Amino acid sequence: MHLHRLLLTFAAGVLLAQGPPPDDFEPGPPGPPGPPRHEELQQALGLTEDQIRQLTDLRKQEREELRSVLDQLRSKGKTLHELMQSQSPDPAAAGNLLIDMKKLRDQMRGTNAQYREKAVGLLNADQKAKLKSLEEAAGLAQAVRQGVGLNLLAPPEAPWGPGLFRDRPWGPMGARGVFGRGGMRQWRGRAL
């Protein structure tokens, strides 16, 4: 009890000793996030700035086109959740909602495939070949994670750079970041 009081007094003293903030200090809300960055992809595929702009514009168009579908899907999901929380849910109504939601997801996949075809159409033959290699490498992502899990491969370098958390090889979260909740070993949110 005495130690607890002593620690609280010490903490209060440290806070008071810091003094007021400088005159030119103006706290404010954080700014909006900057535009997405695509340097690695641009370098890997040899994309021009104009191609990046066109691809970004296509993605915006796709989002706008899918906005109403997403709203419908969200609304039907909420209705389904409310229906399932009721005392006696109607199986026919729940089934119809699930069918409608599947149709909306299929519609989204179709729209996404159309826009992907348009996006790939912006690439030249060399860029398309590089994209094919990139797709093949993406298929190996799970094998890489498993190789890291079995210590056959070194984990990828952390985004904060080497040396910052040298005593904690798995980053600022330490073992908690690796083992996550329940002690399950994880790498970037996925179980190993």
Protein backbone atom coordinates (compact mmCIF):
# COMPACT_ATOMS: atom_id res chain seq x y z
CA MET A 1 0.00 0.00 0.00
CA HIS A 2 2.80 2.40 0.96
CA LEU A 3 4.72 1.52 -2.24
CA HIS A 4 1.59 2.09 -4.32
CA ARG A 5 1.16 5.60 -2.88
CA LEU A 6 4.84 6.34 -3.42
CA LEU A 7 4.65 5.30 -7.08
CA LEU A 8 1.54 7.41 -7.69
CA THR A 9 3.20 10.44 -6.09
CA PHE A 10 6.32 9.91 -8.18
CA ALA A 11 4.29 9.59 -11.42
CA ALA A 12 2.32 12.75 -10.63
CA GLY A 13 5.56 14.60 -9.91
CA VAL A 14 7.07 13.53 -13.23
CA LEU A 15 3.97 14.69 -15.11
CA LEU A 16 3.91 18.06 -13.34
CA ALA A 17 7.63 18.59 -13.88
CA GLN A 18 7.18 18.48 -17.65
CA GLY A 19 5.51 21.89 -17.68
CA PRO A 20 3.12 23.30 -20.26
CA PRO A 21 3.49 22.58 -23.97
CA PRO A 22 5.37 25.12 -26.09
CA ASP A 23 3.48 28.18 -27.33
CA ASP A 24 3.56 27.06 -30.94
CA PHE A 25 2.15 23.58 -30.14
CA GLU A 26 -1.28 23.13 -31.68
CA PRO A 27 -2.72 19.64 -31.37
CA GLY A 28 -5.06 18.74 -34.13
CA PRO A 29 -6.68 15.78 -35.75
CA PRO A 30 -4.43 13.63 -37.91
CA GLY A 31 -4.60 14.40 -41.59
CA PRO A 32 -6.21 12.11 -44.13
CA PRO A 33 -4.15 9.19 -45.32
CA GLY A 34 -2.08 9.89 -48.39
CA PRO A 35 -2.71 8.28 -51.74
CA PRO A 36 -1.86 4.59 -52.03
CA ARG A 37 1.71 3.94 -52.99
CA HIS A 38 2.63 1.56 -55.76
CA GLU A 39 6.41 1.93 -56.08
CA GLU A 40 7.21 -1.78 -55.72
CA LEU A 41 4.59 -2.82 -58.28
CA GLN A 42 5.63 0.00 -60.58
CA GLN A 43 9.22 -1.19 -60.43
CA ALA A 44 8.37 -4.90 -60.73
CA LEU A 45 6.20 -4.44 -63.82
CA GLY A 46 7.89 -1.37 -65.30
CA LEU A 47 4.70 0.71 -65.11
CA THR A 48 4.67 4.35 -66.18
CA GLU A 49 3.14 7.15 -64.11
CA ASP A 50 0.36 7.41 -66.70
CA GLN A 51 -0.42 3.69 -66.34
CA ILE A 52 -0.54 4.03 -62.54
CA ARG A 53 -2.97 6.94 -62.92
CA GLN A 54 -5.15 4.96 -65.36
CA LEU A 55 -5.16 1.90 -63.10
CA THR A 56 -6.06 4.05 -60.09
CA ASP A 57 -8.89 5.67 -62.04
CA LEU A 58 -10.20 2.24 -63.08
CA ARG A 59 -10.17 1.11 -59.46
CA LYS A 60 -12.15 4.21 -58.42
CA GLN A 61 -14.70 3.54 -61.16
CA GLU A 62 -15.05 -0.04 -59.97
CA ARG A 63 -15.63 1.07 -56.37
CA GLU A 64 -18.27 3.55 -57.50
CA GLU A 65 -20.01 0.89 -59.56
CA LEU A 66 -19.95 -1.59 -56.67
CA ARG A 67 -21.08 0.88 -54.00
CA SER A 68 -24.80 0.17 -54.46
CA VAL A 69 -24.19 -3.59 -54.55
CA LEU A 70 -22.18 -3.36 -51.31
CA ASP A 71 -24.95 -1.34 -49.70
CA GLN A 72 -27.51 -3.97 -50.71
CA LEU A 73 -25.26 -6.76 -49.42
CA ARG A 74 -24.75 -4.95 -46.11
CA SER A 75 -28.49 -4.33 -45.76
CA LYS A 76 -29.37 -7.96 -46.46
CA GLY A 77 -26.68 -9.13 -44.03
CA LYS A 78 -28.11 -6.90 -41.31
CA THR A 79 -31.63 -8.16 -42.03
CA LEU A 80 -30.40 -11.75 -41.88
CA HIS A 81 -28.64 -11.10 -38.57
CA GLU A 82 -31.79 -9.54 -37.09
CA LEU A 83 -33.89 -12.42 -38.41
CA MET A 84 -31.58 -14.99 -36.82
CA GLN A 85 -31.70 -13.14 -33.48
CA SER A 86 -35.50 -13.33 -33.35
CA GLN A 87 -37.30 -15.92 -31.21
CA SER A 88 -38.47 -18.00 -34.15
CA PRO A 89 -36.56 -17.23 -37.35
CA ASP A 90 -38.33 -17.98 -40.62
CA PRO A 91 -36.19 -20.53 -42.52
CA ALA A 92 -37.66 -19.57 -45.90
CA ALA A 93 -36.89 -15.88 -45.38
CA ALA A 94 -33.36 -16.70 -44.18
CA GLY A 95 -32.80 -18.94 -47.20
CA ASN A 96 -34.04 -16.25 -49.58
CA LEU A 97 -31.73 -13.69 -47.97
CA LEU A 98 -28.76 -16.06 -48.30
CA ILE A 99 -29.58 -16.67 -51.97
CA ASP A 100 -29.89 -12.94 -52.61
CA MET A 101 -26.56 -12.32 -50.87
CA LYS A 102 -24.87 -15.01 -52.99
CA LYS A 103 -26.22 -13.39 -56.17
CA LEU A 104 -24.86 -10.02 -55.05
CA ARG A 105 -21.42 -11.53 -54.30
CA ASP A 106 -21.42 -13.22 -57.73
CA GLN A 107 -22.31 -9.87 -59.30
CA MET A 108 -19.38 -8.27 -57.47
CA ARG A 109 -17.01 -11.01 -58.70
CA GLY A 110 -18.20 -10.48 -62.27
CA THR A 111 -17.72 -6.73 -62.07
CA ASN A 112 -14.28 -7.22 -60.54
CA ALA A 113 -13.30 -9.62 -63.35
CA GLN A 114 -14.42 -7.09 -65.98
CA TYR A 115 -12.36 -4.33 -64.40
CA ARG A 116 -9.36 -6.64 -64.00
CA GLU A 117 -9.57 -7.42 -67.73
CA LYS A 118 -9.60 -3.68 -68.46
CA ALA A 119 -6.64 -3.13 -66.13
CA VAL A 120 -4.57 -5.90 -67.72
CA GLY A 121 -5.47 -4.41 -71.11
CA LEU A 122 -3.51 -1.30 -70.16
CA LEU A 123 -0.28 -3.33 -69.95
CA ASN A 124 2.12 -4.03 -72.81
CA ALA A 125 3.31 -7.58 -73.65
CA ASP A 126 6.44 -7.34 -71.47
CA GLN A 127 4.42 -6.08 -68.50
CA LYS A 128 1.89 -8.88 -68.96
CA ALA A 129 4.69 -11.47 -68.84
CA LYS A 130 6.02 -9.89 -65.64
CA LEU A 131 2.48 -9.91 -64.20
CA LYS A 132 2.21 -13.64 -64.95
CA SER A 133 5.43 -14.21 -62.95
CA LEU A 134 4.05 -12.09 -60.14
CA GLU A 135 0.84 -14.16 -60.08
CA GLU A 136 2.90 -17.37 -59.89
CA ALA A 137 4.95 -15.95 -57.01
CA ALA A 138 1.74 -14.96 -55.18
CA GLY A 139 0.67 -18.60 -55.34
CA LEU A 140 3.73 -19.50 -53.28
CA ALA A 141 2.90 -17.11 -50.41
CA GLN A 142 1.42 -19.86 -48.24
CA ALA A 143 4.46 -22.09 -48.84
CA VAL A 144 6.74 -19.21 -47.82
CA ARG A 145 4.76 -18.67 -44.60
CA GLN A 146 4.99 -22.36 -43.81
CA GLY A 147 8.73 -22.34 -44.56
CA VAL A 148 9.17 -19.46 -42.11
CA GLY A 149 7.10 -21.37 -39.57
CA LEU A 150 9.38 -24.38 -39.84
CA ASN A 151 12.47 -22.12 -39.80
CA LEU A 152 13.48 -23.21 -43.31
CA LEU A 153 13.27 -19.60 -44.49
CA ALA A 154 14.19 -16.39 -42.72
CA PRO A 155 11.17 -14.16 -42.04
CA PRO A 156 10.86 -11.13 -44.32
CA GLU A 157 12.50 -7.97 -43.07
CA ALA A 158 10.18 -5.92 -40.90
CA PRO A 159 8.80 -2.69 -42.41
CA TRP A 160 10.39 -0.64 -39.63
CA GLY A 161 13.86 -1.65 -40.79
CA PRO A 162 16.67 -3.64 -39.25
CA GLY A 163 18.05 -2.93 -35.82
CA LEU A 164 15.17 -1.09 -34.20
CA PHE A 165 13.86 -4.07 -32.29
CA ARG A 166 16.93 -6.27 -32.40
CA ASP A 167 16.18 -7.73 -28.97
CA ARG A 168 12.67 -8.59 -30.18
CA PRO A 169 13.06 -10.40 -33.49
CA TRP A 170 9.34 -10.34 -34.21
CA GLY A 171 8.91 -6.57 -33.94
CA PRO A 172 7.60 -4.12 -31.40
CA MET A 173 4.92 -6.52 -30.14
CA GLY A 174 7.52 -9.13 -29.17
CA ALA A 175 6.26 -12.68 -28.74
CA ARG A 176 2.66 -11.43 -28.46
CA GLY A 177 2.83 -10.44 -32.12
CA VAL A 178 3.96 -13.93 -33.09
CA PHE A 179 1.90 -16.08 -30.80
CA GLY A 180 -1.19 -13.83 -30.74
CA ARG A 181 -4.19 -14.79 -28.68
CA GLY A 182 -4.46 -18.26 -27.32
CA GLY A 183 -0.78 -19.00 -27.87
CA MET A 184 -1.25 -19.88 -31.56
CA ARG A 185 1.81 -19.03 -33.61
CA GLN A 186 1.05 -16.40 -36.22
CA TRP A 187 2.82 -14.37 -38.88
CA ARG A 188 1.05 -11.24 -40.07
CA GLY A 189 -2.28 -12.36 -38.67
CA ARG A 190 -2.23 -15.86 -40.17
CA ALA A 191 -1.63 -19.07 -38.32
CA LEU A 192 1.59 -20.89 -39.10
